[in-house]
C-alpha atoms as a PDB file:
ATOM      1  CA  MET A   1      11.324 -21.607  -8.038  1.00  0.00           C
ATOM      2  CA  ASP A   2       9.743 -25.573  -7.531  1.00  0.00           C
ATOM      3  CA  THR A   3       6.711 -26.950  -9.618  1.00  0.00           C
ATOM      4  CA  ASP A   4       4.338 -26.162  -6.059  1.00  0.00           C
ATOM      5  CA  TYR A   5       5.365 -22.555  -6.045  1.00  0.00           C
ATOM      6  CA  GLU A   6       4.800 -22.603  -9.876  1.00  0.00           C
ATOM      7  CA  VAL A   7       1.048 -23.733  -9.524  1.00  0.00           C
ATOM      8  CA  TYR A   8       0.660 -21.571  -6.568  1.00  0.00           C
ATOM      9  CA  ILE A   9       1.780 -18.097  -8.377  1.00  0.00           C
ATOM     10  CA  GLN A  10      -0.591 -19.315 -11.385  1.00  0.00           C
ATOM     11  CA  SER A  11      -3.675 -19.896  -9.051  1.00  0.00           C
ATOM     12  CA  LEU A  12      -2.980 -16.105  -7.080  1.00  0.00           C
ATOM     13  CA  THR A  13      -2.937 -14.928 -10.575  1.00  0.00           C
ATOM     14  CA  TYR A  14      -6.099 -16.371 -11.881  1.00  0.00           C
ATOM     15  CA  THR A  15      -7.588 -15.421  -8.775  1.00  0.00           C
ATOM     16  CA  ALA A  16      -6.361 -11.777  -8.602  1.00  0.00           C
ATOM     17  CA  ALA A  17      -7.365 -11.016 -12.420  1.00  0.00           C
ATOM     18  CA  SER A  18     -11.131 -12.941 -11.160  1.00  0.00           C
ATOM     19  CA  TYR A  19     -11.674  -9.869  -8.967  1.00  0.00           C
ATOM     20  CA  LEU A  20     -11.358  -6.857 -11.426  1.00  0.00           C
ATOM     21  CA  PRO A  21     -13.954  -6.982 -14.099  1.00  0.00           C
ATOM     22  CA  VAL A  22     -16.187  -5.904 -10.646  1.00  0.00           C
ATOM     23  CA  PHE A  23     -15.175  -2.248 -10.492  1.00  0.00           C
ATOM     24  CA  VAL A  24     -15.258  -1.928 -14.012  1.00  0.00           C
ATOM     25  CA  GLU A  25     -18.810  -3.246 -14.894  1.00  0.00           C
ATOM     26  CA  PRO A  26     -21.166   0.247 -13.140  1.00  0.00           C
ATOM     27  CA  ASP A  27     -24.008  -2.284 -12.279  1.00  0.00           C
ATOM     28  CA  TYR A  28     -22.148  -4.318 -10.050  1.00  0.00           C
ATOM     29  CA  PRO A  29     -24.081  -4.027  -6.639  1.00  0.00           C
ATOM     30  CA  ILE A  30     -22.129  -1.639  -4.739  1.00  0.00           C
ATOM     31  CA  GLU A  31     -22.723  -3.465  -1.437  1.00  0.00           C
ATOM     32  CA  CYS A  32     -20.337  -6.437  -2.577  1.00  0.00           C
ATOM     33  CA  MET A  33     -17.573  -4.580  -3.549  1.00  0.00           C
ATOM     34  CA  GLY A  34     -16.317  -3.477  -0.175  1.00  0.00           C
ATOM     35  CA  SER A  35     -14.447  -6.823   0.767  1.00  0.00           C
ATOM     36  CA  MET A  36     -13.959  -7.811  -2.862  1.00  0.00           C
ATOM     37  CA  CYS A  37     -11.714  -4.670  -3.033  1.00  0.00           C
ATOM     38  CA  GLU A  38     -10.115  -5.952   0.242  1.00  0.00           C
ATOM     39  CA  ALA A  39      -9.597  -9.711  -0.959  1.00  0.00           C
ATOM     40  CA  ALA A  40      -8.151  -8.248  -4.226  1.00  0.00           C
ATOM     41  CA  ASN A  41      -5.770  -5.582  -2.767  1.00  0.00           C
ATOM     42  CA  ARG A  42      -4.562  -8.315  -0.433  1.00  0.00           C
ATOM     43  CA  HIS A  43      -3.750 -10.931  -3.807  1.00  0.00           C
ATOM     44  CA  LEU A  44      -2.408  -8.421  -6.079  1.00  0.00           C
ATOM     45  CA  ARG A  45      -0.134  -7.179  -3.679  1.00  0.00           C
ATOM     46  CA  THR A  46       0.734 -10.742  -2.846  1.00  0.00           C
ATOM     47  CA  LEU A  47       0.711 -11.423  -6.461  1.00  0.00           C
ATOM     48  CA  ALA A  48       3.743  -8.542  -7.118  1.00  0.00           C
ATOM     49  CA  ASN A  49       5.511  -9.616  -4.231  1.00  0.00           C
ATOM     50  CA  ALA A  50       5.623 -13.236  -5.594  1.00  0.00           C
ATOM     51  CA  LEU A  51       6.587 -12.372  -9.032  1.00  0.00           C
ATOM     52  CA  ALA A  52       9.085  -9.670  -8.395  1.00  0.00           C
ATOM     53  CA  PHE A  53      11.310 -13.021  -7.506  1.00  0.00           C
ATOM     54  CA  GLN A  54       9.909 -14.971 -10.169  1.00  0.00           C
ATOM     55  CA  LYS A  55      10.296 -12.917 -13.024  1.00  0.00           C
ATOM     56  CA  GLU A  56      12.660 -10.528 -11.871  1.00  0.00           C
ATOM     57  CA  ASP A  57      11.150  -8.088 -13.229  1.00  0.00           C
ATOM     58  CA  PRO A  58      10.410  -4.443 -11.661  1.00  0.00           C
ATOM     59  CA  ASN A  59       7.542  -3.424 -13.980  1.00  0.00           C
ATOM     60  CA  ILE A  60       5.737  -6.670 -12.777  1.00  0.00           C
ATOM     61  CA  PHE A  61       5.854  -5.777  -9.613  1.00  0.00           C
ATOM     62  CA  ILE A  62       5.122  -2.269 -10.073  1.00  0.00           C
ATOM     63  CA  GLN A  63       1.882  -2.476 -12.752  1.00  0.00           C
ATOM     64  CA  ASN A  64       0.759  -5.246 -10.095  1.00  0.00           C
ATOM     65  CA  LEU A  65       0.760  -2.760  -7.169  1.00  0.00           C
ATOM     66  CA  ILE A  66      -0.780   0.035  -9.384  1.00  0.00           C
ATOM     67  CA  ARG A  67      -3.498  -2.530 -10.452  1.00  0.00           C
ATOM     68  CA  SER A  68      -4.560  -2.656  -6.767  1.00  0.00           C
ATOM     69  CA  GLY A  69      -4.521   0.937  -6.153  1.00  0.00           C
ATOM     70  CA  LEU A  70      -6.807   1.341  -9.692  1.00  0.00           C
ATOM     71  CA  THR A  71      -9.227  -0.959  -7.954  1.00  0.00           C
ATOM     72  CA  GLN A  72      -9.433   0.551  -4.365  1.00  0.00           C
ATOM     73  CA  GLN A  73      -9.565   3.738  -6.822  1.00  0.00           C
ATOM     74  CA  ALA A  74     -12.567   2.725  -8.318  1.00  0.00           C
ATOM     75  CA  TYR A  75     -14.239   1.483  -5.406  1.00  0.00           C
ATOM     76  CA  LEU A  76     -14.009   4.573  -3.963  1.00  0.00           C
ATOM     77  CA  GLN A  77     -15.285   6.691  -6.773  1.00  0.00           C
ATOM     78  CA  ARG A  78     -18.040   4.503  -6.599  1.00  0.00           C
ATOM     79  CA  CYS A  79     -19.132   4.607  -3.033  1.00  0.00           C
ATOM     80  CA  GLN A  80     -18.723   8.764  -3.933  1.00  0.00           C
ATOM     81  CA  ASN A  81     -20.692   8.638  -6.745  1.00  0.00           C
ATOM     82  CA  GLU A  82     -23.382   7.114  -5.085  1.00  0.00           C
ATOM     83  CA  ASP A  83     -23.137   8.826  -1.835  1.00  0.00           C
ATOM     84  CA  LYS A  84     -21.966   5.917   0.208  1.00  0.00           C
ATOM     85  CA  ILE A  85     -19.829   7.582   2.702  1.00  0.00           C
ATOM     86  CA  GLU A  86     -20.872   5.465   5.381  1.00  0.00           C
ATOM     87  CA  VAL A  87     -19.574   2.318   3.873  1.00  0.00           C
ATOM     88  CA  SER A  88     -17.145   0.135   6.212  1.00  0.00           C
ATOM     89  CA  TYR A  89     -14.962  -0.694   3.646  1.00  0.00           C
ATOM     90  CA  GLN A  90     -14.277   3.074   2.254  1.00  0.00           C
ATOM     91  CA  HIS A  91     -12.207   3.895   5.817  1.00  0.00           C
ATOM     92  CA  ILE A  92      -8.894   4.684   5.867  1.00  0.00           C
ATOM     93  CA  THR A  93      -8.116   1.790   8.077  1.00  0.00           C
ATOM     94  CA  GLU A  94      -9.087  -0.905   5.149  1.00  0.00           C
ATOM     95  CA  CYS A  95      -7.388   1.091   2.576  1.00  0.00           C
ATOM     96  CA  SER A  96      -4.113  -0.245   1.731  1.00  0.00           C
ATOM     97  CA  GLY A  97      -4.430   0.518  -1.923  1.00  0.00           C
ATOM     98  CA  MET A  98      -3.126   4.139  -1.225  1.00  0.00           C
ATOM     99  CA  LEU A  99      -0.337   2.431  -0.222  1.00  0.00           C
ATOM    100  CA  ASP A 100       0.595   0.272  -2.964  1.00  0.00           C
ATOM    101  CA  ALA A 101       0.362   3.343  -5.134  1.00  0.00           C
ATOM    102  CA  LEU A 102       2.846   4.631  -3.517  1.00  0.00           C
ATOM    103  CA  ALA A 103       5.049   1.810  -3.223  1.00  0.00           C
ATOM    104  CA  ALA A 104       4.976   2.071  -6.968  1.00  0.00           C
ATOM    105  CA  GLY A 105       5.754   4.993  -7.759  1.00  0.00           C
ATOM    106  CA  ASP A 106       2.530   6.486  -9.119  1.00  0.00           C
ATOM    107  CA  PHE A 107       2.267   9.484  -7.110  1.00  0.00           C
ATOM    108  CA  GLY A 108      -1.048  10.802  -9.084  1.00  0.00           C
ATOM    109  CA  LEU A 109      -2.761   7.513  -8.665  1.00  0.00           C
ATOM    110  CA  ALA A 110      -1.795   7.546  -4.259  1.00  0.00           C
ATOM    111  CA  ARG A 111      -3.123  11.187  -4.374  1.00  0.00           C
ATOM    112  CA  SER A 112      -6.434  10.086  -6.203  1.00  0.00           C
ATOM    113  CA  ILE A 113      -7.110   7.569  -3.444  1.00  0.00           C
ATOM    114  CA  ALA A 114      -6.237  10.126  -0.601  1.00  0.00           C
ATOM    115  CA  SER A 115      -8.581  12.722  -1.811  1.00  0.00           C
ATOM    116  CA  LEU A 116     -11.315  10.247  -2.212  1.00  0.00           C
ATOM    117  CA  LEU A 117     -10.710   8.675   0.802  1.00  0.00           C
ATOM    118  CA  SER A 118     -13.583   8.854   3.824  1.00  0.00           C
ATOM    119  CA  GLU A 119     -12.427  11.124   6.895  1.00  0.00           C
ATOM    120  CA  TYR A 120     -15.211  10.296   9.374  1.00  0.00           C
ATOM    121  CA  ASN A 121     -14.413   8.590  13.016  1.00  0.00           C
ATOM    122  CA  ARG A 122     -15.199   6.023  14.881  1.00  0.00           C
ATOM    123  CA  GLU A 123     -13.725   5.409  18.313  1.00  0.00           C
ATOM    124  CA  GLU A 124     -11.908   2.728  17.951  1.00  0.00           C
ATOM    125  CA  ASP A 125      -9.925   4.040  15.347  1.00  0.00           C
ATOM    126  CA  LYS A 126      -8.577   6.587  17.363  1.00  0.00           C
ATOM    127  CA  ARG A 127      -7.281   3.734  19.351  1.00  0.00           C
ATOM    128  CA  ASP A 128      -5.815   1.905  16.221  1.00  0.00           C
ATOM    129  CA  GLU A 129      -2.259   3.249  14.846  1.00  0.00           C
ATOM    130  CA  GLN A 130      -3.047   2.053  11.734  1.00  0.00           C
ATOM    131  CA  TYR A 131      -5.369   4.840  11.721  1.00  0.00           C
ATOM    132  CA  TYR A 132      -3.308   7.643  12.394  1.00  0.00           C
ATOM    133  CA  PHE A 133      -0.423   6.264  10.120  1.00  0.00           C
ATOM    134  CA  LYS A 134      -2.464   5.890   7.209  1.00  0.00           C
ATOM    135  CA  LEU A 135      -4.306   9.510   7.883  1.00  0.00           C
ATOM    136  CA  PHE A 136      -0.879  10.950   8.226  1.00  0.00           C
ATOM    137  CA  ILE A 137       0.177   9.259   4.221  1.00  0.00           C
ATOM    138  CA  GLN A 138      -3.220  10.656   3.403  1.00  0.00           C
ATOM    139  CA  LYS A 139      -2.768  14.514   4.402  1.00  0.00           C
ATOM    140  CA  THR A 140       1.178  14.343   3.627  1.00  0.00           C
ATOM    141  CA  LEU A 141      -0.010  13.372  -0.103  1.00  0.00           C
ATOM    142  CA  SER A 142      -2.528  15.943  -0.280  1.00  0.00           C
ATOM    143  CA  ASP A 143      -0.267  18.750   1.621  1.00  0.00           C
ATOM    144  CA  PRO A 144       3.274  17.751   2.456  1.00  0.00           C
ATOM    145  CA  LYS A 145       3.415  20.644   3.728  1.00  0.00           C
ATOM    146  CA  GLN A 146       0.829  21.543   6.472  1.00  0.00           C
ATOM    147  CA  ASN A 147       1.651  21.044   9.734  1.00  0.00           C
ATOM    148  CA  LEU A 148       0.694  17.310  11.290  1.00  0.00           C
ATOM    149  CA  ASP A 149       1.832  18.112  14.989  1.00  0.00           C
ATOM    150  CA  SER A 150      -1.387  17.624  16.496  1.00  0.00           C
ATOM    151  CA  LEU A 151      -2.110  14.178  14.326  1.00  0.00           C
ATOM    152  CA  LEU A 152       1.473  13.283  15.112  1.00  0.00           C
ATOM    153  CA  GLN A 153       0.652  13.916  19.228  1.00  0.00           C
ATOM    154  CA  GLU A 154      -2.521  11.541  18.826  1.00  0.00           C
ATOM    155  CA  TYR A 155      -0.540   9.021  17.104  1.00  0.00           C
ATOM    156  CA  GLU A 156       1.739   8.715  19.413  1.00  0.00           C
ATOM    157  CA  LYS A 157      -0.942   8.564  22.455  1.00  0.00           C
ATOM    158  CA  SER A 158      -2.499   5.567  20.668  1.00  0.00           C
ATOM    159  CA  LEU A 159       0.827   3.809  20.537  1.00  0.00           C
ATOM    160  CA  ASN A 160       0.779   3.358  24.532  1.00  0.00           C
ATOM    161  CA  GLY A 161       4.472   3.858  25.323  1.00  0.00           C
ATOM    162  CA  GLU A 162       5.617   1.435  22.585  1.00  0.00           C
ATOM    163  CA  LYS A 163       8.295   1.722  20.250  1.00  0.00           C
ATOM    164  CA  ASP A 164       7.133   2.115  16.655  1.00  0.00           C
ATOM    165  CA  GLY A 165       8.993   2.496  13.345  1.00  0.00           C
ATOM    166  CA  ALA A 166       6.575   3.469  11.350  1.00  0.00           C
ATOM    167  CA  PHE A 167       5.633   6.872  13.735  1.00  0.00           C
ATOM    168  CA  GLU A 168       9.313   7.255  13.876  1.00  0.00           C
ATOM    169  CA  ILE A 169       8.903   7.500   9.753  1.00  0.00           C
ATOM    170  CA  CYS A 170       6.030   9.965  10.052  1.00  0.00           C
ATOM    171  CA  LYS A 171       7.735  12.283  12.817  1.00  0.00           C
ATOM    172  CA  ALA A 172      10.988  12.337  10.957  1.00  0.00           C
ATOM    173  CA  LEU A 173       9.024  12.866   7.362  1.00  0.00           C
ATOM    174  CA  SER A 174       7.086  16.291   9.263  1.00  0.00           C
ATOM    175  CA  THR A 175      10.416  18.379   9.935  1.00  0.00           C
ATOM    176  CA  LEU A 176      12.749  16.600   7.447  1.00  0.00           C
ATOM    177  CA  ASP A 177      14.744  15.077  10.260  1.00  0.00           C
ATOM    178  CA  GLN A 178      17.371  12.473   7.868  1.00  0.00           C
ATOM    179  CA  ASP A 179      18.931  10.684  10.590  1.00  0.00           C
ATOM    180  CA  LYS A 180      15.856  10.248  12.717  1.00  0.00           C
ATOM    181  CA  PHE A 181      14.101   8.696   9.152  1.00  0.00           C
ATOM    182  CA  ASN A 182      17.000   6.449   9.077  1.00  0.00           C
ATOM    183  CA  SER A 183      16.692   4.984  12.510  1.00  0.00           C
ATOM    184  CA  GLY A 184      13.100   4.820  11.592  1.00  0.00           C
ATOM    185  CA  ILE A 185      13.274   2.780   8.679  1.00  0.00           C
ATOM    186  CA  GLN A 186      15.395   0.440  10.367  1.00  0.00           C
ATOM    187  CA  ARG A 187      13.270   0.155  13.289  1.00  0.00           C
ATOM    188  CA  LEU A 188      10.245  -0.680  10.675  1.00  0.00           C
ATOM    189  CA  LEU A 189      11.929  -3.197   8.880  1.00  0.00           C
ATOM    190  CA  GLU A 190      12.883  -5.300  12.312  1.00  0.00           C
ATOM    191  CA  GLU A 191       9.591  -5.314  13.371  1.00  0.00           C
ATOM    192  CA  HIS A 192       8.919  -5.961   9.338  1.00  0.00           C
ATOM    193  CA  LYS A 193      11.286  -9.221  10.415  1.00  0.00           C
ATOM    194  CA  ASP A 194       9.745 -10.387  13.508  1.00  0.00           C
ATOM    195  CA  TRP A 195       6.001 -10.187  12.371  1.00  0.00           C
ATOM    196  CA  VAL A 196       7.252 -12.324   9.116  1.00  0.00           C
ATOM    197  CA  GLU A 197       9.238 -14.700  11.640  1.00  0.00           C
ATOM    198  CA  ASN A 198       6.513 -14.983  14.202  1.00  0.00           C
ATOM    199  CA  GLY A 199       3.538 -14.757  11.921  1.00  0.00           C
ATOM    200  CA  SER A 200       4.604 -17.791  10.031  1.00  0.00           C
ATOM    201  CA  ILE A 201       2.764 -20.860   9.747  1.00  0.00           C
ATOM    202  CA  GLU A 202       4.807 -24.184   8.294  1.00  0.00           C
ATOM    203  CA  GLY A 203       3.782 -24.761   4.665  1.00  0.00           C
ATOM    204  CA  ASP A 204       2.066 -21.162   4.847  1.00  0.00           C
ATOM    205  CA  THR A 205       2.990 -20.317   0.858  1.00  0.00           C
ATOM    206  CA  TYR A 206       0.883 -17.202   1.222  1.00  0.00           C
ATOM    207  CA  HIS A 207       2.379 -15.818   4.305  1.00  0.00           C
ATOM    208  CA  GLU A 208       5.550 -16.529   2.666  1.00  0.00           C
ATOM    209  CA  PHE A 209       5.171 -14.547  -0.724  1.00  0.00           C
ATOM    210  CA  GLU A 210       3.199 -11.492   1.101  1.00  0.00           C
ATOM    211  CA  THR A 211       5.972 -10.869   3.215  1.00  0.00           C
ATOM    212  CA  ARG A 212       8.608 -11.333   1.057  1.00  0.00           C
ATOM    213  CA  ILE A 213       8.204  -7.035   0.241  1.00  0.00           C
ATOM    214  CA  CYS A 214       7.507  -4.659   3.061  1.00  0.00           C
ATOM    215  CA  ILE A 215       4.984  -2.138   0.982  1.00  0.00           C
ATOM    216  CA  ASP A 216       4.450  -0.176   3.807  1.00  0.00           C
ATOM    217  CA  ALA A 217       8.711   0.257   3.954  1.00  0.00           C
ATOM    218  CA  LEU A 218       8.501   0.672   0.463  1.00  0.00           C
ATOM    219  CA  GLY A 219       5.896   3.291   0.127  1.00  0.00           C
ATOM    220  CA  LEU A 220       7.412   5.382   2.968  1.00  0.00           C
ATOM    221  CA  LEU A 221      10.668   5.366   0.688  1.00  0.00           C
ATOM    222  CA  ARG A 222       9.077   6.484  -2.316  1.00  0.00           C
ATOM    223  CA  LEU A 223       7.252   9.473   0.587  1.00  0.00           C
ATOM    224  CA  ALA A 224      10.770  10.251   2.162  1.00  0.00           C
ATOM    225  CA  GLU A 225      12.234  10.388  -1.310  1.00  0.00           C
ATOM    226  CA  SER A 226       9.820  12.818  -2.903  1.00  0.00           C
ATOM    227  CA  LEU A 227      10.260  15.192  -0.188  1.00  0.00           C
ATOM    228  CA  CYS A 228      13.991  14.865  -0.701  1.00  0.00           C
ATOM    229  CA  LEU A 229      15.550  12.936   1.759  1.00  0.00           C
ATOM    230  CA  LYS A 230      18.512  10.749   1.171  1.00  0.00           C
ATOM    231  CA  THR A 231      17.724   6.817   1.070  1.00  0.00           C
ATOM    232  CA  LYS A 232      19.574   3.976   0.202  1.00  0.00           C
ATOM    233  CA  GLU A 233      19.445   1.834  -3.226  1.00  0.00           C
ATOM    234  CA  GLU A 234      18.380  -1.044  -0.777  1.00  0.00           C
ATOM    235  CA  TYR A 235      17.289  -2.277   2.485  1.00  0.00           C
ATOM    236  CA  PRO A 236      16.211  -6.060   4.080  1.00  0.00           C
ATOM    237  CA  PHE A 237      12.698  -6.537   2.387  1.00  0.00           C
ATOM    238  CA  CYS A 238      12.807  -3.772   0.306  1.00  0.00           C
ATOM    239  CA  PRO A 239      15.263  -5.312  -2.578  1.00  0.00           C
ATOM    240  CA  LYS A 240      16.600  -3.628  -5.418  1.00  0.00           C
ATOM    241  CA  ILE A 241      13.905  -5.167  -7.590  1.00  0.00           C
ATOM    242  CA  SER A 242      11.382  -3.277  -5.706  1.00  0.00           C
ATOM    243  CA  ARG A 243      13.161   0.021  -5.411  1.00  0.00           C
ATOM    244  CA  THR A 244      14.237   0.122  -9.493  1.00  0.00           C
ATOM    245  CA  ALA A 245      11.898   2.675 -11.408  1.00  0.00           C
ATOM    246  CA  ALA A 246       9.482   1.588 -13.849  1.00  0.00           C
ATOM    247  CA  THR A 247      11.007   1.259 -17.241  1.00  0.00           C
ATOM    248  CA  VAL A 248       8.097   0.821 -19.701  1.00  0.00           C
ATOM    249  CA  PRO A 249       4.929   2.327 -19.197  1.00  0.00           C
ATOM    250  CA  PHE A 250       1.828   0.713 -17.208  1.00  0.00           C
ATOM    251  CA  PRO A 251      -0.186  -1.419 -20.546  1.00  0.00           C
ATOM    252  CA  ILE A 252      -2.030   1.028 -22.349  1.00  0.00           C
ATOM    253  CA  ASN A 253      -4.147  -2.224 -23.369  1.00  0.00           C
ATOM    254  CA  ASP A 254      -4.591  -3.641 -19.875  1.00  0.00           C
ATOM    255  CA  PRO A 255      -7.720  -6.012 -19.365  1.00  0.00           C
ATOM    256  CA  ALA A 256      -9.147  -4.056 -16.699  1.00  0.00           C
ATOM    257  CA  TYR A 257      -7.747  -0.682 -16.536  1.00  0.00           C
ATOM    258  CA  PRO A 258      -6.723   0.527 -20.258  1.00  0.00           C
ATOM    259  CA  GLY A 259      -5.117   3.261 -20.981  1.00  0.00           C
ATOM    260  CA  HIS A 260      -4.145   4.187 -17.123  1.00  0.00           C
ATOM    261  CA  VAL A 261      -0.717   6.842 -17.360  1.00  0.00           C
ATOM    262  CA  MET A 262       1.207   6.660 -14.442  1.00  0.00           C
ATOM    263  CA  ALA A 263       2.165  10.042 -12.386  1.00  0.00           C
ATOM    264  CA  ALA A 264       4.693  11.746 -10.839  1.00  0.00           C
END
């Protein structure tokens, strides 16, 4: 990795770390926390991507995704404690920390975030496939055996006839259909490849790092495994290093979130 990348990663590390004290400070104004949570999530997800390849250490990758999830959890807990259920950043469409925790294999944290998420509906969300995608994940984490046929019907309507890999995967997970899951994950990763190639701007290091690993696909693979579907050791944009389980616990003396314990 060249010097420019090293400098970028150092800057990204510093910026991500600078957000975290806010979420353990009980008197920090909650009105300022939503946008900071969103920024912290994105920086930590990007940092996880970047360091996975620089350090070749799955534990560093997993730990930064868990920090993203813990940041989301801390913010949502503050919202709940202070009865701020209408805060827009609390809404499910704004939440990436749940999928980050899921991608890290920390199901206990992912379920905690799912339980804290607000489910109030906005009309614009009902036209957004991301709303239905994340709502499906939330409900599946909360109770994998519940019937989500009506939700999937609404999800399909929101696509207006367009093909969508995430929808195909959700539908396969609801019926535990191995073949449909396999084709869905292939489509999702092809869509991610198109986004990487078409969304890239020359010299945009942030985009390059952010997209190296498809965190949504990684989270769905973890969820599929928890439901006893079969997955491969690695996929495009889900390399082996991202699919490897943690070999060490989350740091007990983590500066922002000491004492966190991963849970299956």
